N, C-alpha and C. Protein backbone atom coordinates (compact mmCIF):
# COMPACT_ATOMS: atom_id res chain seq x y z
N MET A 1 42.88 71.24 89.81
CA MET A 1 42.61 70.18 89.49
C MET A 1 44.17 69.62 88.50
N SER A 2 44.73 69.10 89.21
CA SER A 2 46.23 68.45 88.92
C SER A 2 46.07 67.44 87.63
N GLY A 3 46.58 67.53 86.69
CA GLY A 3 46.89 65.99 85.76
C GLY A 3 45.54 66.47 84.73
N LEU A 4 44.72 67.27 84.64
CA LEU A 4 43.66 67.40 83.79
C LEU A 4 44.08 67.44 82.81
N ILE A 5 44.00 66.64 81.61
CA ILE A 5 44.40 66.77 80.37
C ILE A 5 43.50 66.54 79.26
N SER A 6 41.77 66.14 79.44
CA SER A 6 40.88 66.17 78.51
C SER A 6 39.73 65.93 79.65
N THR A 7 38.51 66.34 78.60
CA THR A 7 37.00 66.58 79.18
C THR A 7 36.54 65.50 78.31
N SER A 8 35.22 65.92 78.51
CA SER A 8 34.02 64.91 77.97
C SER A 8 32.93 66.03 78.21
N PRO A 9 31.88 66.29 76.99
CA PRO A 9 30.64 67.17 77.52
C PRO A 9 29.65 65.98 78.32
N ILE A 10 29.32 66.73 79.22
CA ILE A 10 28.05 66.31 80.04
C ILE A 10 26.87 66.87 80.33
N PRO A 11 26.39 67.14 79.15
CA PRO A 11 25.18 68.26 79.12
C PRO A 11 24.87 68.74 80.85
N GLU A 12 24.11 67.60 81.53
CA GLU A 12 24.11 68.09 82.84
C GLU A 12 24.77 68.99 83.59
N VAL A 13 26.03 68.93 83.63
CA VAL A 13 27.04 69.64 83.92
C VAL A 13 26.98 71.06 83.60
N ILE A 14 27.49 70.55 81.95
CA ILE A 14 27.34 72.19 81.15
C ILE A 14 25.93 73.02 81.53
N ASP A 15 25.00 72.81 81.67
CA ASP A 15 23.64 73.18 82.60
C ASP A 15 23.97 74.22 83.35
N ARG A 16 24.15 73.16 84.32
CA ARG A 16 24.49 73.71 85.88
C ARG A 16 25.41 74.86 85.52
N ILE A 17 26.59 74.74 85.11
CA ILE A 17 27.37 75.74 85.18
C ILE A 17 27.18 77.11 84.44
N GLU A 18 26.23 76.58 83.27
CA GLU A 18 25.64 78.04 82.49
C GLU A 18 24.32 78.57 83.34
N GLU A 19 23.53 77.64 84.55
CA GLU A 19 22.62 78.32 85.42
C GLU A 19 23.11 79.03 86.20
N HIS A 20 24.43 78.67 86.25
CA HIS A 20 25.26 79.63 88.05
C HIS A 20 26.39 80.81 87.21
N GLY A 21 25.71 81.20 86.01
CA GLY A 21 26.46 82.43 85.05
C GLY A 21 27.47 81.74 84.44
N GLY A 22 28.00 80.70 84.51
CA GLY A 22 29.22 80.36 84.14
C GLY A 22 29.43 80.08 82.42
N VAL A 23 30.23 80.17 82.06
CA VAL A 23 30.31 80.20 80.06
C VAL A 23 31.37 78.92 80.08
N VAL A 24 30.39 78.52 79.26
CA VAL A 24 31.54 76.83 78.36
C VAL A 24 31.61 77.35 76.78
N PHE A 25 33.49 77.12 76.69
CA PHE A 25 33.48 77.37 75.31
C PHE A 25 33.07 76.43 74.13
N ASP A 26 33.18 75.60 74.52
CA ASP A 26 32.67 74.18 73.56
C ASP A 26 31.63 73.13 74.27
N ARG A 27 30.46 73.44 73.96
CA ARG A 27 29.22 72.62 74.58
C ARG A 27 29.45 71.12 74.06
N VAL A 28 29.72 71.22 72.56
CA VAL A 28 30.07 70.09 72.02
C VAL A 28 30.79 69.06 72.03
N THR A 29 32.08 69.33 72.31
CA THR A 29 33.25 68.70 72.84
C THR A 29 33.62 69.10 74.32
N ALA A 30 33.64 70.10 74.70
CA ALA A 30 34.04 70.09 76.20
C ALA A 30 35.67 70.26 76.40
N CYS A 31 35.93 70.87 74.94
CA CYS A 31 37.54 70.49 74.89
C CYS A 31 38.38 71.64 76.07
N LEU A 32 39.52 71.46 76.21
CA LEU A 32 40.25 72.43 77.20
C LEU A 32 41.12 73.17 76.42
N ASP A 33 40.89 74.58 75.80
CA ASP A 33 41.20 75.55 75.16
C ASP A 33 41.76 76.83 75.31
N PRO A 34 42.92 76.67 76.22
CA PRO A 34 43.08 77.95 76.86
C PRO A 34 43.34 79.38 76.24
N LEU A 35 43.65 78.71 74.60
CA LEU A 35 44.03 80.12 73.96
C LEU A 35 42.22 80.58 73.70
N GLY A 36 41.66 79.50 73.17
CA GLY A 36 40.24 79.90 72.95
C GLY A 36 39.46 80.72 74.08
N GLY A 37 39.58 80.02 75.10
CA GLY A 37 38.96 80.66 76.37
C GLY A 37 39.33 81.85 76.31
N ALA A 38 40.40 82.49 76.52
CA ALA A 38 41.02 83.44 76.68
C ALA A 38 40.49 84.79 75.80
N SER A 39 40.21 84.42 74.31
CA SER A 39 40.09 85.10 73.57
C SER A 39 38.12 85.50 73.34
N LEU A 40 37.55 84.37 74.21
CA LEU A 40 36.21 84.34 74.19
C LEU A 40 36.01 85.32 75.44
N ALA A 41 36.51 85.14 76.04
CA ALA A 41 36.22 86.20 77.51
C ALA A 41 36.64 87.43 77.16
N GLN A 42 38.10 87.57 76.43
CA GLN A 42 37.72 89.41 76.27
C GLN A 42 37.13 89.68 75.11
N LYS A 43 36.45 88.65 74.06
CA LYS A 43 35.23 89.19 73.46
C LYS A 43 34.01 89.52 74.56
N MET A 44 33.75 88.81 75.28
CA MET A 44 32.66 88.89 76.14
C MET A 44 32.94 90.23 76.93
N GLY A 45 34.05 90.72 76.71
CA GLY A 45 34.13 91.91 77.77
C GLY A 45 34.72 92.00 78.93
N PHE A 46 34.98 90.61 79.38
CA PHE A 46 35.64 90.14 80.65
C PHE A 46 37.11 91.34 80.50
N SER A 47 37.46 92.20 81.99
CA SER A 47 38.53 92.62 81.84
C SER A 47 39.51 91.87 82.77
N ARG A 48 39.22 90.89 83.74
CA ARG A 48 39.98 90.06 84.83
C ARG A 48 40.16 88.62 83.93
N ILE A 49 41.07 88.64 83.16
CA ILE A 49 40.84 87.29 82.88
C ILE A 49 42.24 86.12 82.95
N ALA A 50 42.15 85.24 83.86
CA ALA A 50 43.04 84.45 84.32
C ALA A 50 43.09 82.79 83.55
N VAL A 51 44.33 82.56 83.28
CA VAL A 51 44.36 81.43 82.16
C VAL A 51 45.18 80.31 82.42
N PRO A 52 44.81 79.10 82.72
CA PRO A 52 46.02 78.08 83.07
C PRO A 52 46.83 77.82 81.79
N ILE A 53 48.25 77.76 81.92
CA ILE A 53 48.71 77.44 80.32
C ILE A 53 50.07 76.45 81.00
N SER A 54 49.92 75.42 79.67
CA SER A 54 51.09 74.72 79.70
C SER A 54 51.54 74.64 78.48
N ASP A 55 51.51 75.17 77.31
CA ASP A 55 52.06 75.57 76.28
C ASP A 55 52.83 76.41 76.10
N PRO A 56 53.92 76.69 75.67
CA PRO A 56 54.68 77.79 75.63
C PRO A 56 54.03 78.62 74.44
N ASP A 57 53.77 77.88 73.23
CA ASP A 57 53.22 78.69 72.16
C ASP A 57 52.12 79.44 72.56
N ARG A 58 50.84 78.74 73.03
CA ARG A 58 49.99 79.13 73.30
C ARG A 58 49.91 80.19 74.40
N ALA A 59 50.49 80.07 75.21
CA ALA A 59 51.15 81.09 76.43
C ALA A 59 51.27 82.43 75.87
N GLU A 60 52.60 82.41 75.11
CA GLU A 60 52.95 83.46 74.26
C GLU A 60 52.07 84.34 73.60
N ILE A 61 50.91 83.49 72.65
CA ILE A 61 49.71 84.20 71.82
C ILE A 61 48.61 84.91 73.19
N ILE A 62 48.55 84.18 74.13
CA ILE A 62 47.80 84.78 74.72
C ILE A 62 48.38 86.05 75.82
N ARG A 63 49.57 85.85 75.86
CA ARG A 63 50.16 87.26 76.85
C ARG A 63 50.25 88.44 75.42
N THR A 64 50.50 88.03 74.53
CA THR A 64 50.49 89.39 73.20
C THR A 64 48.93 89.46 73.10
N ASN A 65 47.90 88.70 73.14
CA ASN A 65 46.83 89.01 72.78
C ASN A 65 46.31 89.78 73.96
N ASN A 66 46.51 89.26 75.13
CA ASN A 66 45.59 89.75 76.18
C ASN A 66 46.87 90.10 77.20
N PRO A 67 47.21 91.22 77.12
CA PRO A 67 48.30 91.67 77.92
C PRO A 67 48.16 91.48 79.31
N ASP A 68 46.77 92.02 80.08
CA ASP A 68 46.84 92.03 81.50
C ASP A 68 46.20 90.95 81.49
N ALA A 69 46.07 89.91 81.23
CA ALA A 69 45.32 88.11 81.64
C ALA A 69 46.70 87.97 82.58
N LEU A 70 46.06 86.96 83.58
CA LEU A 70 46.71 86.59 84.83
C LEU A 70 47.17 85.17 84.00
N LEU A 71 48.50 85.03 84.08
CA LEU A 71 48.58 83.55 83.17
C LEU A 71 49.60 82.90 84.39
N PHE A 72 48.97 81.35 84.52
CA PHE A 72 49.41 80.58 85.55
C PHE A 72 49.79 79.20 84.62
N GLY A 73 51.22 79.23 85.23
CA GLY A 73 51.82 78.14 84.49
C GLY A 73 51.58 76.57 85.06
N VAL A 74 51.12 76.21 84.35
CA VAL A 74 50.41 74.62 85.07
C VAL A 74 51.23 73.20 84.47
N HIS A 75 50.89 72.05 85.26
CA HIS A 75 51.53 70.94 84.56
C HIS A 75 52.96 71.04 83.71
N MET A 76 53.32 71.37 84.56
CA MET A 76 55.22 71.50 83.93
C MET A 76 56.29 70.30 83.87
N SER A 77 55.67 69.12 84.68
CA SER A 77 56.48 68.02 84.48
C SER A 77 56.78 67.49 83.03
N GLY A 78 58.25 67.40 82.81
CA GLY A 78 58.71 66.81 81.52
C GLY A 78 58.63 68.12 80.35
N ILE A 79 58.63 69.52 80.90
CA ILE A 79 58.84 70.54 79.67
C ILE A 79 60.23 70.53 79.80
N THR A 80 60.61 70.81 78.32
CA THR A 80 62.07 71.33 77.68
C THR A 80 62.59 72.43 78.27
N GLU A 81 63.75 72.41 78.50
CA GLU A 81 64.67 73.90 78.55
C GLU A 81 63.95 74.82 78.28
N ASN A 82 63.63 74.96 76.90
CA ASN A 82 63.28 76.08 75.94
C ASN A 82 61.99 76.23 76.44
N GLY A 83 60.94 75.48 76.33
CA GLY A 83 59.74 75.53 77.06
C GLY A 83 59.75 76.22 78.17
N ALA A 84 60.65 75.62 79.15
CA ALA A 84 60.20 76.07 80.73
C ALA A 84 60.56 78.01 80.39
N GLN A 85 62.05 77.97 79.97
CA GLN A 85 62.18 79.37 79.59
C GLN A 85 61.13 80.39 79.28
N ARG A 86 60.56 79.69 78.27
CA ARG A 86 58.97 80.83 77.70
C ARG A 86 58.37 80.69 78.64
N ILE A 87 57.93 80.08 79.25
CA ILE A 87 56.54 79.87 80.12
C ILE A 87 56.99 80.64 81.48
N VAL A 88 58.32 80.58 81.91
CA VAL A 88 59.09 81.64 83.38
C VAL A 88 58.47 82.76 82.66
N ALA A 89 59.01 83.02 81.29
CA ALA A 89 59.10 84.33 81.01
C ALA A 89 57.69 85.12 81.00
N VAL A 90 56.66 84.68 80.52
CA VAL A 90 55.23 85.04 80.29
C VAL A 90 53.98 84.56 81.54
N SER A 91 54.41 83.81 82.36
CA SER A 91 53.67 83.45 83.65
C SER A 91 53.57 84.44 84.55
N ASP A 92 52.73 84.57 85.50
CA ASP A 92 52.68 85.44 86.45
C ASP A 92 52.72 84.49 87.84
N PRO A 93 52.01 83.86 88.12
CA PRO A 93 52.71 82.25 89.08
C PRO A 93 52.89 81.35 88.33
N VAL A 94 53.77 80.43 88.70
CA VAL A 94 54.05 79.00 87.87
C VAL A 94 54.19 77.70 88.78
N THR A 95 54.17 76.59 88.77
CA THR A 95 53.55 75.37 89.38
C THR A 95 55.36 74.71 88.83
N GLY A 96 55.77 74.37 90.01
CA GLY A 96 56.92 73.63 89.68
C GLY A 96 56.91 72.23 89.32
N CYS A 97 55.80 71.66 89.60
CA CYS A 97 55.85 70.14 89.25
C CYS A 97 56.72 69.41 89.66
N ALA A 98 57.14 68.70 88.77
CA ALA A 98 58.44 67.70 88.72
C ALA A 98 59.42 68.03 87.70
N SER A 99 59.13 69.21 87.70
CA SER A 99 60.43 69.88 86.97
C SER A 99 61.51 70.28 87.33
N LYS A 100 62.52 69.76 87.18
CA LYS A 100 63.75 70.35 87.55
C LYS A 100 64.33 71.94 87.25
N ILE A 101 64.14 72.31 85.73
CA ILE A 101 64.41 72.84 85.16
C ILE A 101 63.56 74.25 85.24
N VAL A 102 62.06 74.02 85.26
CA VAL A 102 60.73 75.14 85.95
C VAL A 102 61.31 75.65 87.36
N GLY A 103 62.10 74.87 88.66
CA GLY A 103 61.86 75.03 89.79
C GLY A 103 63.43 75.63 89.55
N MET A 104 63.89 75.46 88.71
CA MET A 104 65.67 76.46 88.82
C MET A 104 65.21 77.56 88.49
N LEU A 105 64.56 77.82 86.92
CA LEU A 105 64.37 79.05 86.46
C LEU A 105 63.53 79.95 87.26
N ALA A 106 62.38 79.44 87.58
CA ALA A 106 61.40 80.16 88.28
C ALA A 106 61.86 80.38 89.56
N GLY A 107 62.56 79.58 90.60
CA GLY A 107 63.31 79.85 91.99
C GLY A 107 64.64 81.29 91.59
N LYS A 108 65.08 81.52 90.53
CA LYS A 108 65.70 82.80 90.24
C LYS A 108 65.02 83.82 90.26
N LYS A 109 63.68 83.87 89.45
CA LYS A 109 63.22 84.91 88.91
C LYS A 109 61.87 85.39 90.16
N ALA A 110 61.58 84.41 90.84
CA ALA A 110 60.52 84.37 92.01
C ALA A 110 60.73 85.65 93.33
N SER A 111 59.86 85.95 93.51
CA SER A 111 59.71 87.27 94.59
C SER A 111 58.85 86.52 95.90
N LEU A 112 58.43 85.01 95.46
CA LEU A 112 57.59 84.25 96.64
C LEU A 112 57.65 82.98 96.12
N GLN A 113 57.40 82.12 97.21
CA GLN A 113 57.51 80.52 96.93
C GLN A 113 56.55 80.03 98.20
N VAL A 114 55.64 79.67 97.59
CA VAL A 114 54.89 78.48 98.32
C VAL A 114 54.84 77.39 98.37
N GLY A 115 55.02 76.60 98.98
CA GLY A 115 55.25 75.01 99.17
C GLY A 115 56.85 74.33 98.57
N ALA A 116 57.27 73.07 98.69
CA ALA A 116 58.44 73.02 98.74
C ALA A 116 58.33 71.65 98.11
N ILE A 117 57.29 70.68 98.24
CA ILE A 117 56.98 69.35 97.70
C ILE A 117 56.80 69.75 96.32
N ILE A 118 55.82 70.27 95.98
CA ILE A 118 55.37 71.00 94.76
C ILE A 118 55.24 72.28 94.75
N PRO A 119 56.40 73.24 94.61
CA PRO A 119 56.19 74.65 94.93
C PRO A 119 55.28 75.14 93.91
N ILE A 120 55.19 76.41 93.89
CA ILE A 120 54.50 77.60 93.37
C ILE A 120 55.01 79.24 93.80
N PHE A 121 55.75 79.37 92.60
CA PHE A 121 56.45 80.76 92.69
C PHE A 121 55.83 81.92 91.60
N ALA A 122 56.00 82.66 92.44
CA ALA A 122 55.06 84.20 92.24
C ALA A 122 56.32 84.83 91.31
N LEU A 123 56.06 85.02 90.12
CA LEU A 123 57.09 85.42 89.04
C LEU A 123 57.00 87.11 88.90
N THR A 124 55.48 87.44 89.03
CA THR A 124 55.25 89.08 88.78
C THR A 124 55.10 89.58 90.35
N LEU A 125 54.23 90.94 90.16
CA LEU A 125 53.74 91.48 91.27
C LEU A 125 52.34 90.90 91.21
N ARG A 126 51.69 90.62 89.94
CA ARG A 126 50.05 90.14 90.27
C ARG A 126 50.21 88.71 91.00
N GLY A 127 51.34 88.04 90.15
CA GLY A 127 51.77 86.65 91.11
C GLY A 127 51.61 86.40 92.32
N LYS A 128 52.57 87.26 92.53
CA LYS A 128 52.67 87.51 94.37
C LYS A 128 51.53 88.15 95.05
N ASP A 129 50.55 89.11 94.43
CA ASP A 129 49.18 89.22 95.18
C ASP A 129 48.39 88.33 95.13
N LEU A 130 48.32 87.30 93.83
CA LEU A 130 47.03 86.40 93.60
C LEU A 130 47.76 85.37 95.14
N ILE A 131 48.86 84.90 95.12
CA ILE A 131 49.74 83.99 95.99
C ILE A 131 49.18 84.74 97.82
N MET A 132 49.53 85.64 97.92
CA MET A 132 49.48 86.45 99.17
C MET A 132 47.76 86.63 99.27
N LYS A 133 46.75 86.57 98.82
CA LYS A 133 45.55 86.56 99.05
C LYS A 133 45.08 85.55 99.01
N TRP A 134 45.55 84.35 98.82
CA TRP A 134 45.19 83.08 99.02
C TRP A 134 45.84 82.54 100.12
N ILE A 135 47.16 83.03 100.77
CA ILE A 135 47.79 82.76 102.03
C ILE A 135 47.05 83.28 103.37
N LEU A 136 46.34 84.69 102.73
CA LEU A 136 45.60 85.54 103.80
C LEU A 136 43.83 84.75 104.36
N GLU A 137 43.36 84.36 103.07
CA GLU A 137 42.69 83.85 102.98
C GLU A 137 42.49 82.24 103.61
N ALA A 138 43.37 81.60 103.76
CA ALA A 138 43.90 80.50 103.99
C ALA A 138 43.11 79.63 105.53
N ASN A 139 42.92 78.86 105.47
CA ASN A 139 43.24 77.89 106.85
C ASN A 139 44.09 77.43 107.39
N GLU A 140 45.14 78.01 106.86
CA GLU A 140 46.46 77.07 107.00
C GLU A 140 47.34 77.93 108.19
N LYS A 141 48.56 77.22 108.52
CA LYS A 141 49.42 77.78 109.09
C LYS A 141 50.28 78.18 108.06
N PHE A 142 51.14 79.49 108.32
CA PHE A 142 52.21 79.88 107.40
C PHE A 142 53.36 80.02 108.48
N SER A 143 54.85 79.67 107.54
CA SER A 143 55.52 80.49 108.60
C SER A 143 56.83 81.04 107.68
N PRO A 144 56.80 82.70 107.69
CA PRO A 144 57.05 83.24 106.20
C PRO A 144 58.80 83.70 107.20
N ILE A 145 59.77 82.99 106.44
CA ILE A 145 61.14 82.55 106.75
C ILE A 145 61.40 83.08 105.49
N PRO A 146 62.57 84.10 105.50
CA PRO A 146 63.06 84.42 104.64
C PRO A 146 64.30 83.58 103.86
N PHE A 147 64.03 83.01 102.67
CA PHE A 147 65.29 82.31 101.88
C PHE A 147 65.61 82.76 100.87
N ARG A 148 66.80 81.90 100.53
CA ARG A 148 67.56 82.08 98.63
C ARG A 148 66.31 81.09 98.38
N LEU A 149 65.58 81.77 96.98
CA LEU A 149 64.86 80.82 96.25
C LEU A 149 65.47 80.11 95.32
N PRO A 150 65.25 78.84 94.49
CA PRO A 150 64.06 78.06 95.06
C PRO A 150 64.58 77.61 96.42
N VAL A 151 63.52 77.08 97.56
CA VAL A 151 63.54 76.15 98.36
C VAL A 151 63.26 74.99 98.21
N VAL A 152 64.15 74.18 98.06
CA VAL A 152 64.06 72.65 98.03
C VAL A 152 63.95 71.38 98.68
N CYS A 153 62.85 70.75 98.54
CA CYS A 153 62.77 69.91 99.80
C CYS A 153 63.13 68.29 99.67
N ASN A 154 63.37 67.76 100.36
CA ASN A 154 64.15 66.29 99.94
C ASN A 154 62.64 65.33 99.82
N ARG A 155 61.60 65.89 99.53
CA ARG A 155 59.97 64.89 99.58
C ARG A 155 59.55 65.37 98.02
N GLN A 156 60.40 65.98 97.21
CA GLN A 156 59.97 66.23 96.25
C GLN A 156 59.47 64.63 95.12
N PRO A 157 58.77 65.17 94.12
CA PRO A 157 58.83 63.78 93.21
C PRO A 157 60.09 63.06 92.71
N GLU A 158 60.08 62.29 92.47
CA GLU A 158 61.62 61.63 91.78
C GLU A 158 60.99 60.66 91.00
N PRO A 159 61.93 61.05 89.95
CA PRO A 159 62.56 61.80 89.54
C PRO A 159 62.60 63.00 89.17
N LEU A 160 63.04 64.03 89.53
CA LEU A 160 62.63 65.41 88.96
C LEU A 160 62.73 65.35 87.15
N ILE A 161 62.14 65.76 86.26
CA ILE A 161 62.34 65.45 85.08
C ILE A 161 62.31 66.87 84.10
């Protein structure tokens, strides 16, 4: 869900999530807390943890504390160059959003890119595996043509920031 930056608790929704085996990190606030969520998942014994990240400080902490977690860099529009370098260093896949610097840095490191308007870059083998599984299961048509990455499209968000 692009652009989700805050949540509020809706008891019926929380109950339904839990009825279906899901875990809500904080029933009172329903806050978005990647660090807390990753820590809770680890404490609960989960071995396959995936975390959407947009904050470089939290991303590095999660990577240090959960080296096997799959970190997906999201919401990169407006990130600083330093922040982009740090996110690209620890992410498995990362979305370029409207960030010129993420597109440039991730494009140089990536082994796979899907999409050109809002590109997603595979930065690790696990990121590439995730994207390839999505491609295999999608009902979309794909054209695998080798290009030098990043592939830039003239329909990207303007301006890239």
